[in-house]
Amino acid sequence: MQAFLVRGTFKMARDWTKFAKEVAANTPEAAVERVFSEFGSKHGVPRSYVKVKDVKPVPLEQVQDPVVRFRVGGGP
């Protein structure tokens, strides 16, 4: 598994809000799917209200999120 930084915007109420989310996935496409899934389940945002700008791999030593670091294999 690898860490990815997914950046873009999502529609919250009337405004488009920027986001940057670290996720652990095998491919960039799987990372985007993970972001869609999290926004839908946690915030009730439909996929059409999430616009992904870019997806970049993140080296293990630069991962900020402890859950992502653990899933990638960096330990606690």
PDB file of N, CA and C in Angstrom:
ATOM      1  N   MET A   1       0.829  -1.169   0.000  1.00  0.00           N
ATOM      2  CA  MET A   1       0.000   0.000   0.000  1.00  0.00           C
ATOM      3  C   MET A   1       0.880   1.241   0.000  1.00  0.00           C
ATOM      4  N   GLN A   2       0.320   2.345  -0.485  1.00  0.00           N
ATOM      5  CA  GLN A   2       1.060   3.583  -0.630  1.00  0.00           C
ATOM      6  C   GLN A   2       0.202   4.737  -0.116  1.00  0.00           C
ATOM      7  N   ALA A   3       0.833   5.820   0.310  1.00  0.00           N
ATOM      8  CA  ALA A   3       0.112   7.006   0.768  1.00  0.00           C
ATOM      9  C   ALA A   3      -0.045   7.981  -0.392  1.00  0.00           C
ATOM     10  N   PHE A   4      -1.226   8.576  -0.493  1.00  0.00           N
ATOM     11  CA  PHE A   4      -1.512   9.568  -1.528  1.00  0.00           C
ATOM     12  C   PHE A   4      -2.122  10.800  -0.888  1.00  0.00           C
ATOM     13  N   LEU A   5      -1.834  11.966  -1.469  1.00  0.00           N
ATOM     14  CA  LEU A   5      -2.468  13.211  -1.079  1.00  0.00           C
ATOM     15  C   LEU A   5      -3.448  13.578  -2.183  1.00  0.00           C
ATOM     16  N   VAL A   6      -4.729  13.614  -1.835  1.00  0.00           N
ATOM     17  CA  VAL A   6      -5.788  13.941  -2.790  1.00  0.00           C
ATOM     18  C   VAL A   6      -6.256  15.352  -2.469  1.00  0.00           C
ATOM     19  N   ARG A   7      -6.204  16.237  -3.474  1.00  0.00           N
ATOM     20  CA  ARG A   7      -6.636  17.624  -3.278  1.00  0.00           C
ATOM     21  C   ARG A   7      -7.746  17.969  -4.251  1.00  0.00           C
ATOM     22  N   GLY A   8      -8.617  18.873  -3.817  1.00  0.00           N
ATOM     23  CA  GLY A   8      -9.709  19.301  -4.664  1.00  0.00           C
ATOM     24  C   GLY A   8     -10.678  20.177  -3.910  1.00  0.00           C
ATOM     25  N   THR A   9     -11.940  20.175  -4.354  1.00  0.00           N
ATOM     26  CA  THR A   9     -12.992  20.958  -3.712  1.00  0.00           C
ATOM     27  C   THR A   9     -14.237  20.093  -3.559  1.00  0.00           C
ATOM     28  N   PHE A  10     -15.077  20.464  -2.600  1.00  0.00           N
ATOM     29  CA  PHE A  10     -16.374  19.820  -2.467  1.00  0.00           C
ATOM     30  C   PHE A  10     -17.405  20.873  -2.089  1.00  0.00           C
ATOM     31  N   LYS A  11     -18.639  20.614  -2.455  1.00  0.00           N
ATOM     32  CA  LYS A  11     -19.710  21.572  -2.216  1.00  0.00           C
ATOM     33  C   LYS A  11     -20.323  21.327  -0.850  1.00  0.00           C
ATOM     34  N   MET A  12     -20.232  22.332   0.005  1.00  0.00           N
ATOM     35  CA  MET A  12     -20.811  22.274   1.336  1.00  0.00           C
ATOM     36  C   MET A  12     -21.785  23.446   1.447  1.00  0.00           C
ATOM     37  N   ALA A  13     -23.057  23.123   1.588  1.00  0.00           N
ATOM     38  CA  ALA A  13     -24.138  24.120   1.555  1.00  0.00           C
ATOM     39  C   ALA A  13     -24.109  24.806   0.186  1.00  0.00           C
ATOM     40  N   ARG A  14     -23.812  26.095   0.134  1.00  0.00           N
ATOM     41  CA  ARG A  14     -23.798  26.818  -1.144  1.00  0.00           C
ATOM     42  C   ARG A  14     -22.401  27.045  -1.688  1.00  0.00           C
ATOM     43  N   ASP A  15     -21.383  26.838  -0.879  1.00  0.00           N
ATOM     44  CA  ASP A  15     -20.015  27.175  -1.254  1.00  0.00           C
ATOM     45  C   ASP A  15     -19.180  25.938  -1.576  1.00  0.00           C
ATOM     46  N   TRP A  16     -18.202  26.127  -2.442  1.00  0.00           N
ATOM     47  CA  TRP A  16     -17.218  25.094  -2.734  1.00  0.00           C
ATOM     48  C   TRP A  16     -16.041  25.297  -1.793  1.00  0.00           C
ATOM     49  N   THR A  17     -15.689  24.263  -1.049  1.00  0.00           N
ATOM     50  CA  THR A  17     -14.641  24.312  -0.046  1.00  0.00           C
ATOM     51  C   THR A  17     -13.458  23.451  -0.494  1.00  0.00           C
ATOM     52  N   LYS A  18     -12.240  23.967  -0.321  1.00  0.00           N
ATOM     53  CA  LYS A  18     -11.037  23.213  -0.679  1.00  0.00           C
ATOM     54  C   LYS A  18     -10.768  22.132   0.363  1.00  0.00           C
ATOM     55  N   PHE A  19     -10.158  21.037  -0.090  1.00  0.00           N
ATOM     56  CA  PHE A  19      -9.743  19.988   0.842  1.00  0.00           C
ATOM     57  C   PHE A  19      -8.429  19.385   0.377  1.00  0.00           C
ATOM     58  N   ALA A  20      -7.693  18.831   1.320  1.00  0.00           N
ATOM     59  CA  ALA A  20      -6.492  18.041   1.069  1.00  0.00           C
ATOM     60  C   ALA A  20      -6.551  16.873   2.041  1.00  0.00           C
ATOM     61  N   LYS A  21      -6.570  15.664   1.515  1.00  0.00           N
ATOM     62  CA  LYS A  21      -6.791  14.475   2.348  1.00  0.00           C
ATOM     63  C   LYS A  21      -5.724  13.431   2.037  1.00  0.00           C
ATOM     64  N   GLU A  22      -5.058  12.935   3.073  1.00  0.00           N
ATOM     65  CA  GLU A  22      -4.122  11.826   2.920  1.00  0.00           C
ATOM     66  C   GLU A  22      -4.884  10.524   3.068  1.00  0.00           C
ATOM     67  N   VAL A  23      -4.644   9.605   2.139  1.00  0.00           N
ATOM     68  CA  VAL A  23      -5.276   8.293   2.201  1.00  0.00           C
ATOM     69  C   VAL A  23      -4.249   7.223   1.841  1.00  0.00           C
ATOM     70  N   ALA A  24      -4.491   6.005   2.310  1.00  0.00           N
ATOM     71  CA  ALA A  24      -3.667   4.850   1.967  1.00  0.00           C
ATOM     72  C   ALA A  24      -4.426   4.033   0.933  1.00  0.00           C
ATOM     73  N   ALA A  25      -3.775   3.745  -0.196  1.00  0.00           N
ATOM     74  CA  ALA A  25      -4.411   2.977  -1.264  1.00  0.00           C
ATOM     75  C   ALA A  25      -3.329   2.331  -2.124  1.00  0.00           C
ATOM     76  N   ASN A  26      -3.757   1.401  -2.977  1.00  0.00           N
ATOM     77  CA  ASN A  26      -2.809   0.731  -3.870  1.00  0.00           C
ATOM     78  C   ASN A  26      -2.538   1.521  -5.142  1.00  0.00           C
ATOM     79  N   THR A  27      -3.531   2.264  -5.619  1.00  0.00           N
ATOM     80  CA  THR A  27      -3.405   3.032  -6.861  1.00  0.00           C
ATOM     81  C   THR A  27      -4.009   4.422  -6.655  1.00  0.00           C
ATOM     82  N   PRO A  28      -3.659   5.382  -7.518  1.00  0.00           N
ATOM     83  CA  PRO A  28      -4.284   6.709  -7.425  1.00  0.00           C
ATOM     84  C   PRO A  28      -5.806   6.648  -7.604  1.00  0.00           C
ATOM     85  N   GLU A  29      -6.275   5.757  -8.465  1.00  0.00           N
ATOM     86  CA  GLU A  29      -7.727   5.623  -8.676  1.00  0.00           C
ATOM     87  C   GLU A  29      -8.425   5.131  -7.404  1.00  0.00           C
ATOM     88  N   ALA A  30      -7.787   4.201  -6.705  1.00  0.00           N
ATOM     89  CA  ALA A  30      -8.337   3.695  -5.452  1.00  0.00           C
ATOM     90  C   ALA A  30      -8.326   4.790  -4.377  1.00  0.00           C
ATOM     91  N   ALA A  31      -7.326   5.675  -4.417  1.00  0.00           N
ATOM     92  CA  ALA A  31      -7.269   6.790  -3.472  1.00  0.00           C
ATOM     93  C   ALA A  31      -8.445   7.742  -3.691  1.00  0.00           C
ATOM     94  N   VAL A  32      -8.775   8.017  -4.954  1.00  0.00           N
ATOM     95  CA  VAL A  32      -9.916   8.883  -5.267  1.00  0.00           C
ATOM     96  C   VAL A  32     -11.213   8.229  -4.803  1.00  0.00           C
ATOM     97  N   GLU A  33     -11.360   6.932  -5.035  1.00  0.00           N
ATOM     98  CA  GLU A  33     -12.549   6.208  -4.576  1.00  0.00           C
ATOM     99  C   GLU A  33     -12.678   6.292  -3.056  1.00  0.00           C
ATOM    100  N   ARG A  34     -11.563   6.191  -2.358  1.00  0.00           N
ATOM    101  CA  ARG A  34     -11.566   6.271  -0.895  1.00  0.00           C
ATOM    102  C   ARG A  34     -12.063   7.641  -0.431  1.00  0.00           C
ATOM    103  N   VAL A  35     -11.625   8.699  -1.113  1.00  0.00           N
ATOM    104  CA  VAL A  35     -12.069  10.055  -0.766  1.00  0.00           C
ATOM    105  C   VAL A  35     -13.568  10.208  -1.014  1.00  0.00           C
ATOM    106  N   PHE A  36     -14.047   9.738  -2.179  1.00  0.00           N
ATOM    107  CA  PHE A  36     -15.489   9.780  -2.458  1.00  0.00           C
ATOM    108  C   PHE A  36     -16.264   9.061  -1.359  1.00  0.00           C
ATOM    109  N   SER A  37     -15.787   7.899  -0.964  1.00  0.00           N
ATOM    110  CA  SER A  37     -16.452   7.088   0.046  1.00  0.00           C
ATOM    111  C   SER A  37     -16.492   7.801   1.392  1.00  0.00           C
ATOM    112  N   GLU A  38     -15.377   8.406   1.797  1.00  0.00           N
ATOM    113  CA  GLU A  38     -15.324   9.091   3.090  1.00  0.00           C
ATOM    114  C   GLU A  38     -16.223  10.324   3.116  1.00  0.00           C
ATOM    115  N   PHE A  39     -16.205  11.120   2.058  1.00  0.00           N
ATOM    116  CA  PHE A  39     -17.066  12.305   2.022  1.00  0.00           C
ATOM    117  C   PHE A  39     -18.542  11.897   2.024  1.00  0.00           C
ATOM    118  N   GLY A  40     -18.860  10.837   1.324  1.00  0.00           N
ATOM    119  CA  GLY A  40     -20.242  10.376   1.296  1.00  0.00           C
ATOM    120  C   GLY A  40     -20.717   9.847   2.630  1.00  0.00           C
ATOM    121  N   SER A  41     -19.885   9.027   3.285  1.00  0.00           N
ATOM    122  CA  SER A  41     -20.321   8.405   4.533  1.00  0.00           C
ATOM    123  C   SER A  41     -20.254   9.353   5.724  1.00  0.00           C
ATOM    124  N   LYS A  42     -19.240  10.197   5.791  1.00  0.00           N
ATOM    125  CA  LYS A  42     -19.071  11.068   6.952  1.00  0.00           C
ATOM    126  C   LYS A  42     -19.830  12.384   6.834  1.00  0.00           C
ATOM    127  N   HIS A  43     -19.988  12.886   5.601  1.00  0.00           N
ATOM    128  CA  HIS A  43     -20.581  14.207   5.420  1.00  0.00           C
ATOM    129  C   HIS A  43     -21.849  14.190   4.571  1.00  0.00           C
ATOM    130  N   GLY A  44     -22.193  13.046   3.991  1.00  0.00           N
ATOM    131  CA  GLY A  44     -23.386  12.954   3.166  1.00  0.00           C
ATOM    132  C   GLY A  44     -23.284  13.713   1.855  1.00  0.00           C
ATOM    133  N   VAL A  45     -22.062  13.868   1.344  1.00  0.00           N
ATOM    134  CA  VAL A  45     -21.834  14.617   0.108  1.00  0.00           C
ATOM    135  C   VAL A  45     -21.893  13.661  -1.084  1.00  0.00           C
ATOM    136  N   PRO A  46     -22.755  13.920  -2.067  1.00  0.00           N
ATOM    137  CA  PRO A  46     -22.790  13.071  -3.258  1.00  0.00           C
ATOM    138  C   PRO A  46     -21.492  13.193  -4.063  1.00  0.00           C
ATOM    139  N   ARG A  47     -21.163  12.155  -4.819  1.00  0.00           N
ATOM    140  CA  ARG A  47     -19.935  12.148  -5.619  1.00  0.00           C
ATOM    141  C   ARG A  47     -19.857  13.316  -6.596  1.00  0.00           C
ATOM    142  N   SER A  48     -21.010  13.731  -7.119  1.00  0.00           N
ATOM    143  CA  SER A  48     -21.005  14.827  -8.092  1.00  0.00           C
ATOM    144  C   SER A  48     -20.639  16.163  -7.447  1.00  0.00           C
ATOM    145  N   TYR A  49     -20.661  16.251  -6.115  1.00  0.00           N
ATOM    146  CA  TYR A  49     -20.287  17.470  -5.412  1.00  0.00           C
ATOM    147  C   TYR A  49     -18.829  17.461  -4.951  1.00  0.00           C
ATOM    148  N   VAL A  50     -18.078  16.440  -5.346  1.00  0.00           N
ATOM    149  CA  VAL A  50     -16.659  16.353  -5.012  1.00  0.00           C
ATOM    150  C   VAL A  50     -15.860  16.423  -6.312  1.00  0.00           C
ATOM    151  N   LYS A  51     -15.004  17.428  -6.430  1.00  0.00           N
ATOM    152  CA  LYS A  51     -14.156  17.609  -7.611  1.00  0.00           C
ATOM    153  C   LYS A  51     -12.704  17.420  -7.194  1.00  0.00           C
ATOM    154  N   VAL A  52     -12.056  16.404  -7.741  1.00  0.00           N
ATOM    155  CA  VAL A  52     -10.664  16.107  -7.415  1.00  0.00           C
ATOM    156  C   VAL A  52      -9.760  16.856  -8.387  1.00  0.00           C
ATOM    157  N   LYS A  53      -8.837  17.647  -7.826  1.00  0.00           N
ATOM    158  CA  LYS A  53      -7.907  18.428  -8.643  1.00  0.00           C
ATOM    159  C   LYS A  53      -6.679  17.602  -9.017  1.00  0.00           C
ATOM    160  N   ASP A  54      -6.046  16.984  -8.010  1.00  0.00           N
ATOM    161  CA  ASP A  54      -4.873  16.156  -8.296  1.00  0.00           C
ATOM    162  C   ASP A  54      -4.662  15.120  -7.199  1.00  0.00           C
ATOM    163  N   VAL A  55      -3.895  14.100  -7.559  1.00  0.00           N
ATOM    164  CA  VAL A  55      -3.538  13.007  -6.646  1.00  0.00           C
ATOM    165  C   VAL A  55      -2.035  12.815  -6.756  1.00  0.00           C
ATOM    166  N   LYS A  56      -1.341  12.923  -5.621  1.00  0.00           N
ATOM    167  CA  LYS A  56       0.113  12.790  -5.623  1.00  0.00           C
ATOM    168  C   LYS A  56       0.542  11.766  -4.577  1.00  0.00           C
ATOM    169  N   PRO A  57       1.521  10.931  -4.901  1.00  0.00           N
ATOM    170  CA  PRO A  57       2.060  10.017  -3.884  1.00  0.00           C
ATOM    171  C   PRO A  57       2.842  10.807  -2.830  1.00  0.00           C
ATOM    172  N   VAL A  58       2.788  10.326  -1.594  1.00  0.00           N
ATOM    173  CA  VAL A  58       3.481  10.979  -0.488  1.00  0.00           C
ATOM    174  C   VAL A  58       4.501   9.991   0.073  1.00  0.00           C
ATOM    175  N   PRO A  59       5.775  10.409   0.197  1.00  0.00           N
ATOM    176  CA  PRO A  59       6.765   9.521   0.822  1.00  0.00           C
ATOM    177  C   PRO A  59       6.397   9.243   2.279  1.00  0.00           C
ATOM    178  N   LEU A  60       6.732   8.056   2.753  1.00  0.00           N
ATOM    179  CA  LEU A  60       6.360   7.622   4.099  1.00  0.00           C
ATOM    180  C   LEU A  60       6.814   8.612   5.172  1.00  0.00           C
ATOM    181  N   GLU A  61       7.990   9.181   5.037  1.00  0.00           N
ATOM    182  CA  GLU A  61       8.503  10.096   6.065  1.00  0.00           C
ATOM    183  C   GLU A  61       7.771  11.439   6.092  1.00  0.00           C
ATOM    184  N   GLN A  62       6.975  11.729   5.070  1.00  0.00           N
ATOM    185  CA  GLN A  62       6.225  12.993   5.034  1.00  0.00           C
ATOM    186  C   GLN A  62       4.733  12.824   5.358  1.00  0.00           C
ATOM    187  N   VAL A  63       4.306  11.613   5.652  1.00  0.00           N
ATOM    188  CA  VAL A  63       2.893  11.361   5.958  1.00  0.00           C
ATOM    189  C   VAL A  63       2.566  11.955   7.322  1.00  0.00           C
ATOM    190  N   GLN A  64       1.502  12.770   7.391  1.00  0.00           N
ATOM    191  CA  GLN A  64       1.087  13.441   8.616  1.00  0.00           C
ATOM    192  C   GLN A  64       0.069  12.620   9.417  1.00  0.00           C
ATOM    193  N   ASP A  65      -0.851  11.972   8.736  1.00  0.00           N
ATOM    194  CA  ASP A  65      -1.947  11.251   9.380  1.00  0.00           C
ATOM    195  C   ASP A  65      -1.444   9.924   9.960  1.00  0.00           C
ATOM    196  N   PRO A  66      -1.589   9.713  11.281  1.00  0.00           N
ATOM    197  CA  PRO A  66      -1.074   8.481  11.890  1.00  0.00           C
ATOM    198  C   PRO A  66      -1.781   7.215  11.400  1.00  0.00           C
ATOM    199  N   VAL A  67      -3.054   7.295  11.044  1.00  0.00           N
ATOM    200  CA  VAL A  67      -3.773   6.129  10.538  1.00  0.00           C
ATOM    201  C   VAL A  67      -3.214   5.723   9.173  1.00  0.00           C
ATOM    202  N   VAL A  68      -2.968   6.703   8.319  1.00  0.00           N
ATOM    203  CA  VAL A  68      -2.393   6.424   6.997  1.00  0.00           C
ATOM    204  C   VAL A  68      -0.983   5.865   7.149  1.00  0.00           C
ATOM    205  N   ARG A  69      -0.196   6.451   8.053  1.00  0.00           N
ATOM    206  CA  ARG A  69       1.170   5.960   8.288  1.00  0.00           C
ATOM    207  C   ARG A  69       1.152   4.495   8.721  1.00  0.00           C
ATOM    208  N   PHE A  70       0.223   4.121   9.606  1.00  0.00           N
ATOM    209  CA  PHE A  70       0.121   2.745  10.069  1.00  0.00           C
ATOM    210  C   PHE A  70      -0.272   1.806   8.927  1.00  0.00           C
ATOM    211  N   ARG A  71      -1.248   2.215   8.104  1.00  0.00           N
ATOM    212  CA  ARG A  71      -1.698   1.372   7.006  1.00  0.00           C
ATOM    213  C   ARG A  71      -0.623   1.170   5.943  1.00  0.00           C
ATOM    214  N   VAL A  72       0.224   2.174   5.760  1.00  0.00           N
ATOM    215  CA  VAL A  72       1.280   2.080   4.764  1.00  0.00           C
ATOM    216  C   VAL A  72       2.426   1.211   5.277  1.00  0.00           C
ATOM    217  N   GLY A  73       2.535   1.081   6.588  1.00  0.00           N
ATOM    218  CA  GLY A  73       3.548   0.214   7.155  1.00  0.00           C
ATOM    219  C   GLY A  73       4.623   0.945   7.914  1.00  0.00           C
ATOM    220  N   GLY A  74       4.344   2.179   8.308  1.00  0.00           N
ATOM    221  CA  GLY A  74       5.330   2.974   9.030  1.00  0.00           C
ATOM    222  C   GLY A  74       5.277   2.819  10.526  1.00  0.00           C
ATOM    223  N   GLY A  75       4.401   1.986  11.037  1.00  0.00           N
ATOM    224  CA  GLY A  75       4.287   1.791  12.480  1.00  0.00           C
ATOM    225  C   GLY A  75       3.481   2.907  13.126  1.00  0.00           C
ATOM    226  N   PRO A  76       3.374   2.877  14.445  1.00  0.00           N
ATOM    227  CA  PRO A  76       2.548   3.871  15.149  1.00  0.00           C
ATOM    228  C   PRO A  76       3.130   5.256  15.174  1.00  0.00           C
TER     229      PRO A  76
END
